[in-house]
Amino acid sequence: MTTHTTDVAHIAPREKAEILSQALPYIRKFHGKTIVIKYGGNAMTDPELQQAFAEDVVLLKLVGLNPVVVHGGGPQIEDALNKLGKKGHFIQGMRVTDAETMSVVEWVLAGEVQQDIVGLINAAGGKAVGLTGRDGGMIRAKQLRMVDKDDPAKEHDIGQVGDIVSIDPSVVKALQDDQFIPVVSPIGFGEKNESYNINADVVAAKLATVLQAEKLLMLTNIRGVLDKQGELLTELTPRRIDELVADGTISGGMIPKIAGAIDAAKSGVNAVHIIDGRVPHAMLLEVLSDQAYGTMISSR
């Protein structure tokens, strides 16, 4: 019978001890602090990365940090709509969300996707609880105003896509106090009890701000923010980001992600990390070591 050994098994005991001891200052520094994690991309769909993510979240909780997970689910929503034969309609890159589409969004995000994440974390030894923005009246929302990119006087109706009005974090704090790990689906509710689908990056950034989190970690399918030569920029400030947007280095889908990161950094979150979720345990390495596995954005 063949036994398979991991890379860790080949590390000398002295080196293992060195690795563990390097984590100690970070554990001490962040003990009792809240860390909001935006979970998306390959890390959500690759079984090995899913397992690594769940283990990381549980380890962070066990060493005294307070992780809160906010997840997306775009590809899973797309798959569900395709199975129902419903064709997506997009305006300026945003999915038009009618009542039927919204019902699919709710059962995919708050059902299938959320419960998969909760199950993974629980199987890894944690105590995860799934929430939507409805629970505890957490995320109040209104319809997102979509201004035409060519005519600012014109607005598009994109249905039940939400803009956050306010976040009440009481239910999240209560769960944290009881040693649970909250897993939040980005669904809010309006004045007439209507549901809204909200961008998960935006929910993560706003929740991190309201919780006055120590860190916001955003798992993505890229290494982080890259310069014109494709080299990783490990640290950025808002001023430097403005320069990179102006010269086109930061463009496309990275702009809204960066905008949320800057807002969080300016509003009291000490650091925002855009991390390569394709690297197993990258989140753990970013938080508990001096290795850079992504781009850190600070308000200074």
Protein backbone atom coordinates (compact mmCIF):
# COMPACT_ATOMS: atom_id res chain seq x y z
CA MET A 1 0.00 0.00 0.00
CA THR A 2 1.34 3.41 -0.96
CA THR A 3 1.11 6.27 1.51
CA HIS A 4 0.91 9.82 0.21
CA THR A 5 2.80 12.51 2.09
CA THR A 6 2.26 16.23 1.84
CA ASP A 7 4.99 18.81 1.33
CA VAL A 8 4.75 19.68 5.02
CA ALA A 9 5.99 16.20 5.94
CA HIS A 10 9.33 16.95 4.29
CA ILE A 11 9.98 20.12 6.29
CA ALA A 12 12.61 19.68 9.00
CA PRO A 13 11.33 20.06 12.60
CA ARG A 14 13.46 23.18 13.16
CA GLU A 15 11.94 24.83 10.07
CA LYS A 16 8.41 23.88 11.16
CA ALA A 17 9.06 25.48 14.53
CA GLU A 18 10.39 28.62 12.81
CA ILE A 19 7.23 28.87 10.67
CA LEU A 20 4.99 28.49 13.71
CA SER A 21 6.96 30.99 15.78
CA GLN A 22 6.71 33.58 12.99
CA ALA A 23 2.92 33.44 13.30
CA LEU A 24 2.96 34.27 17.03
CA PRO A 25 3.37 38.07 16.76
CA TYR A 26 0.48 38.22 14.27
CA ILE A 27 -1.76 36.04 16.45
CA ARG A 28 -1.01 38.30 19.40
CA LYS A 29 -1.57 41.47 17.35
CA PHE A 30 -4.91 40.39 15.88
CA HIS A 31 -6.33 38.45 18.84
CA GLY A 32 -9.97 39.41 19.39
CA LYS A 33 -10.09 41.48 16.19
CA THR A 34 -12.69 41.06 13.44
CA ILE A 35 -11.64 40.04 9.94
CA VAL A 36 -14.20 40.22 7.12
CA ILE A 37 -13.53 37.82 4.24
CA LYS A 38 -15.08 38.21 0.76
CA TYR A 39 -15.15 34.65 -0.57
CA GLY A 40 -15.42 34.21 -4.33
CA GLY A 41 -13.74 33.08 -7.53
CA ASN A 42 -11.87 29.77 -7.93
CA ALA A 43 -11.62 29.40 -4.15
CA MET A 44 -15.40 28.80 -4.17
CA THR A 45 -15.48 26.18 -6.94
CA ASP A 46 -12.25 24.13 -6.66
CA PRO A 47 -12.71 21.33 -4.04
CA GLU A 48 -9.10 21.53 -2.80
CA LEU A 49 -9.30 25.31 -2.43
CA GLN A 50 -12.72 25.05 -0.74
CA GLN A 51 -11.20 22.71 1.85
CA ALA A 52 -8.18 24.98 2.40
CA PHE A 53 -10.46 28.00 2.81
CA ALA A 54 -12.62 26.28 5.42
CA GLU A 55 -9.55 25.12 7.36
CA ASP A 56 -8.10 28.65 7.29
CA VAL A 57 -11.32 30.21 8.61
CA VAL A 58 -11.51 27.68 11.45
CA LEU A 59 -7.83 28.14 12.36
CA LEU A 60 -8.21 31.93 12.47
CA LYS A 61 -11.18 31.49 14.82
CA LEU A 62 -9.35 29.02 17.04
CA VAL A 63 -6.33 31.30 17.52
CA GLY A 64 -8.58 34.14 18.68
CA LEU A 65 -9.55 36.14 15.59
CA ASN A 66 -13.19 36.74 14.62
CA PRO A 67 -13.74 35.88 10.92
CA VAL A 68 -16.94 36.93 9.13
CA VAL A 69 -17.49 35.47 5.65
CA VAL A 70 -19.39 37.29 2.88
CA HIS A 71 -19.83 35.20 -0.27
CA GLY A 72 -20.78 35.75 -3.88
CA GLY A 73 -22.22 33.24 -6.33
CA GLY A 74 -22.47 34.69 -9.84
CA PRO A 75 -21.52 31.49 -11.73
CA GLN A 76 -23.90 29.38 -9.62
CA ILE A 77 -26.77 31.83 -10.30
CA GLU A 78 -25.97 31.73 -14.03
CA ASP A 79 -26.04 27.89 -14.00
CA ALA A 80 -29.40 27.82 -12.21
CA LEU A 81 -30.96 30.34 -14.62
CA ASN A 82 -29.65 28.36 -17.61
CA LYS A 83 -31.22 25.16 -16.25
CA LEU A 84 -34.55 26.98 -16.04
CA GLY A 85 -34.13 28.20 -19.62
CA LYS A 86 -34.06 31.83 -18.50
CA LYS A 87 -31.89 34.07 -20.64
CA GLY A 88 -29.93 36.78 -18.84
CA HIS A 89 -30.31 40.41 -19.90
CA PHE A 90 -27.55 42.83 -19.00
CA ILE A 91 -27.33 46.63 -19.06
CA GLN A 92 -23.85 48.14 -18.69
CA GLY A 93 -22.59 44.86 -17.27
CA MET A 94 -25.34 44.59 -14.62
CA ARG A 95 -27.88 41.74 -14.69
CA VAL A 96 -31.48 42.96 -14.98
CA THR A 97 -33.13 41.22 -12.03
CA ASP A 98 -36.88 40.74 -12.33
CA ALA A 99 -38.96 39.04 -9.61
CA GLU A 100 -38.44 35.54 -11.08
CA THR A 101 -34.69 36.03 -11.35
CA MET A 102 -34.59 37.38 -7.78
CA SER A 103 -36.30 34.25 -6.46
CA VAL A 104 -33.60 32.14 -8.16
CA VAL A 105 -30.87 34.40 -6.73
CA GLU A 106 -32.29 33.91 -3.22
CA TRP A 107 -32.50 30.14 -3.30
CA VAL A 108 -29.06 29.80 -4.91
CA LEU A 109 -27.23 32.25 -2.60
CA ALA A 110 -29.09 31.70 0.69
CA GLY A 111 -29.68 28.02 -0.02
CA GLU A 112 -27.21 26.03 -2.08
CA VAL A 113 -24.11 28.24 -1.95
CA GLN A 114 -24.41 29.41 1.65
CA GLN A 115 -25.14 25.95 3.03
CA ASP A 116 -22.17 24.47 1.14
CA ILE A 117 -19.89 27.01 2.84
CA VAL A 118 -21.47 26.48 6.26
CA GLY A 119 -21.06 22.71 5.83
CA LEU A 120 -17.40 22.99 4.82
CA ILE A 121 -16.54 25.18 7.82
CA ASN A 122 -18.44 22.92 10.23
CA ALA A 123 -16.77 19.81 8.79
CA ALA A 124 -13.38 21.49 9.38
CA GLY A 125 -14.23 21.91 13.08
CA GLY A 126 -15.84 25.35 13.15
CA LYS A 127 -19.34 26.51 14.10
CA ALA A 128 -20.70 28.43 11.11
CA VAL A 129 -24.15 30.03 10.86
CA GLY A 130 -25.68 31.24 7.60
CA LEU A 131 -27.34 34.66 7.37
CA THR A 132 -28.86 36.90 4.73
CA GLY A 133 -29.32 40.64 5.07
CA ARG A 134 -32.89 39.93 6.19
CA ASP A 135 -31.77 38.18 9.38
CA GLY A 136 -31.81 40.54 12.33
CA GLY A 137 -32.76 43.36 9.93
CA MET A 138 -29.09 43.48 8.97
CA ILE A 139 -29.01 44.99 5.44
CA ARG A 140 -31.58 47.61 4.47
CA ALA A 141 -31.46 48.39 0.76
CA LYS A 142 -33.08 50.33 -2.06
CA GLN A 143 -33.08 49.90 -5.82
CA LEU A 144 -29.71 50.73 -7.38
CA ARG A 145 -29.87 53.75 -9.68
CA MET A 146 -28.23 52.86 -12.98
CA VAL A 147 -27.26 56.06 -14.77
CA ASP A 148 -26.63 55.73 -18.51
CA LYS A 149 -22.90 55.89 -19.22
CA ASP A 150 -23.43 58.11 -22.28
CA ASP A 151 -26.37 60.23 -21.08
CA PRO A 152 -26.27 61.17 -17.36
CA ALA A 153 -29.85 62.42 -17.56
CA LYS A 154 -31.09 58.91 -18.41
CA GLU A 155 -31.57 56.03 -15.94
CA HIS A 156 -32.06 52.31 -16.61
CA ASP A 157 -34.41 50.12 -14.57
CA ILE A 158 -32.44 46.99 -13.66
CA GLY A 159 -35.00 45.59 -11.25
CA GLN A 160 -34.15 44.15 -7.85
CA VAL A 161 -30.45 45.05 -7.77
CA GLY A 162 -29.74 46.79 -4.49
CA ASP A 163 -27.84 49.70 -3.07
CA ILE A 164 -27.14 49.55 0.68
CA VAL A 165 -29.07 52.07 2.81
CA SER A 166 -27.76 50.87 6.19
CA ILE A 167 -26.26 47.87 7.96
CA ASP A 168 -27.16 46.83 11.51
CA PRO A 169 -24.44 44.38 12.61
CA SER A 170 -26.14 43.35 15.89
CA VAL A 171 -26.87 39.77 14.77
CA VAL A 172 -23.30 39.30 13.51
CA LYS A 173 -21.85 40.58 16.80
CA ALA A 174 -24.16 38.32 18.83
CA LEU A 175 -22.99 35.27 16.85
CA GLN A 176 -19.33 36.28 17.23
CA ASP A 177 -19.77 36.64 20.99
CA ASP A 178 -21.06 33.04 21.11
CA GLN A 179 -18.02 31.82 19.10
CA PHE A 180 -19.96 31.24 15.86
CA ILE A 181 -18.62 32.12 12.40
CA PRO A 182 -21.20 34.18 10.45
CA VAL A 183 -21.56 33.39 6.74
CA VAL A 184 -23.45 36.21 4.99
CA SER A 185 -25.32 36.09 1.66
CA PRO A 186 -25.45 39.53 -0.06
CA ILE A 187 -29.23 39.91 -0.05
CA GLY A 188 -30.93 42.98 1.41
CA PHE A 189 -34.52 44.05 1.96
CA GLY A 190 -36.43 47.23 1.11
CA GLU A 191 -39.16 49.37 2.66
CA LYS A 192 -41.92 47.15 1.22
CA ASN A 193 -40.18 43.91 2.26
CA GLU A 194 -38.88 43.38 -1.28
CA SER A 195 -35.57 41.55 -1.72
CA TYR A 196 -32.49 42.99 -3.38
CA ASN A 197 -29.40 41.30 -4.80
CA ILE A 198 -26.33 43.34 -3.80
CA ASN A 199 -22.76 43.14 -5.06
CA ALA A 200 -20.86 40.93 -2.58
CA ASP A 201 -17.73 43.12 -2.71
CA VAL A 202 -19.84 46.10 -1.67
CA VAL A 203 -21.50 44.17 1.19
CA ALA A 204 -18.12 42.93 2.46
CA ALA A 205 -16.61 46.45 2.38
CA LYS A 206 -19.60 48.08 4.11
CA LEU A 207 -19.86 45.32 6.72
CA ALA A 208 -16.14 45.59 7.47
CA THR A 209 -16.58 49.34 7.96
CA VAL A 210 -19.61 49.00 10.27
CA LEU A 211 -17.86 46.29 12.33
CA GLN A 212 -14.67 48.40 12.42
CA ALA A 213 -12.83 45.31 11.27
CA GLU A 214 -9.06 45.03 11.56
CA LYS A 215 -8.85 43.66 8.02
CA LEU A 216 -10.95 43.08 4.92
CA LEU A 217 -9.70 40.15 2.83
CA MET A 218 -10.98 39.90 -0.75
CA LEU A 219 -10.28 36.55 -2.45
CA THR A 220 -10.04 36.91 -6.23
CA ASN A 221 -8.87 35.03 -9.32
CA ILE A 222 -5.84 37.26 -9.82
CA ARG A 223 -2.55 37.69 -7.95
CA GLY A 224 -3.58 41.16 -6.77
CA VAL A 225 -3.12 44.56 -8.38
CA LEU A 226 -0.43 44.41 -11.08
CA ASP A 227 1.62 47.19 -12.61
CA LYS A 228 2.06 47.76 -16.37
CA GLN A 229 4.82 45.13 -16.44
CA GLY A 230 2.62 42.54 -14.74
CA GLU A 231 4.49 42.73 -11.44
CA LEU A 232 2.55 42.46 -8.19
CA LEU A 233 2.06 45.72 -6.29
CA THR A 234 2.15 44.52 -2.68
CA GLU A 235 1.17 47.83 -1.05
CA LEU A 236 -1.01 50.70 -2.28
CA THR A 237 -2.44 53.95 -0.94
CA PRO A 238 -5.58 55.75 -2.23
CA ARG A 239 -3.40 58.38 -3.89
CA ARG A 240 -1.37 55.76 -5.76
CA ILE A 241 -4.58 53.99 -6.81
CA ASP A 242 -5.93 57.23 -8.33
CA GLU A 243 -2.74 57.44 -10.41
CA LEU A 244 -3.09 53.80 -11.57
CA VAL A 245 -6.74 54.31 -12.58
CA ALA A 246 -5.84 57.52 -14.45
CA ASP A 247 -3.14 55.80 -16.51
CA GLY A 248 -5.28 52.71 -17.19
CA THR A 249 -3.25 50.26 -15.09
CA ILE A 250 -6.39 49.56 -13.01
CA SER A 251 -9.45 49.10 -15.23
CA GLY A 252 -12.59 47.07 -15.85
CA GLY A 253 -13.95 44.86 -13.07
CA MET A 254 -11.08 45.75 -10.74
CA ILE A 255 -12.30 49.36 -10.39
CA PRO A 256 -15.44 48.65 -8.28
CA LYS A 257 -13.48 46.15 -6.15
CA ILE A 258 -10.78 48.76 -5.52
CA ALA A 259 -13.40 51.47 -4.84
CA GLY A 260 -14.93 49.36 -2.07
CA ALA A 261 -11.48 48.63 -0.67
CA ILE A 262 -10.58 52.34 -0.54
CA ASP A 263 -13.89 53.25 1.13
CA ALA A 264 -13.29 50.60 3.80
CA ALA A 265 -9.67 51.71 4.35
CA LYS A 266 -10.72 55.37 4.66
CA SER A 267 -13.56 54.49 7.06
CA GLY A 268 -11.58 52.78 9.78
CA VAL A 269 -10.64 49.33 8.44
CA ASN A 270 -6.90 49.18 9.09
CA ALA A 271 -5.98 47.22 5.96
CA VAL A 272 -7.66 45.73 2.92
CA HIS A 273 -6.01 42.78 1.19
CA ILE A 274 -6.79 41.68 -2.37
CA ILE A 275 -5.57 38.08 -2.33
CA ASP A 276 -5.04 35.37 -4.94
CA GLY A 277 -7.68 32.82 -3.94
CA ARG A 278 -6.14 30.26 -6.32
CA VAL A 279 -3.22 29.73 -3.92
CA PRO A 280 -4.06 27.20 -1.18
CA HIS A 281 -3.99 28.82 2.28
CA ALA A 282 -3.05 32.23 0.80
CA MET A 283 -5.41 33.88 3.29
CA LEU A 284 -3.62 32.30 6.25
CA LEU A 285 -0.21 33.21 4.87
CA GLU A 286 -1.31 36.82 4.30
CA VAL A 287 -2.67 37.26 7.84
CA LEU A 288 -0.20 35.25 9.94
CA SER A 289 3.11 35.81 8.15
CA ASP A 290 5.16 38.57 6.57
CA GLN A 291 4.74 37.03 3.11
CA ALA A 292 2.73 39.05 0.57
CA TYR A 293 0.23 36.91 -1.35
CA GLY A 294 -1.69 39.85 -2.73
CA THR A 295 -2.04 43.62 -2.60
CA MET A 296 -2.58 45.46 0.68
CA ILE A 297 -4.42 48.78 0.59
CA SER A 298 -4.12 51.09 3.57
CA SER A 299 -5.65 54.52 4.18
CA ARG A 300 -2.24 56.10 4.70
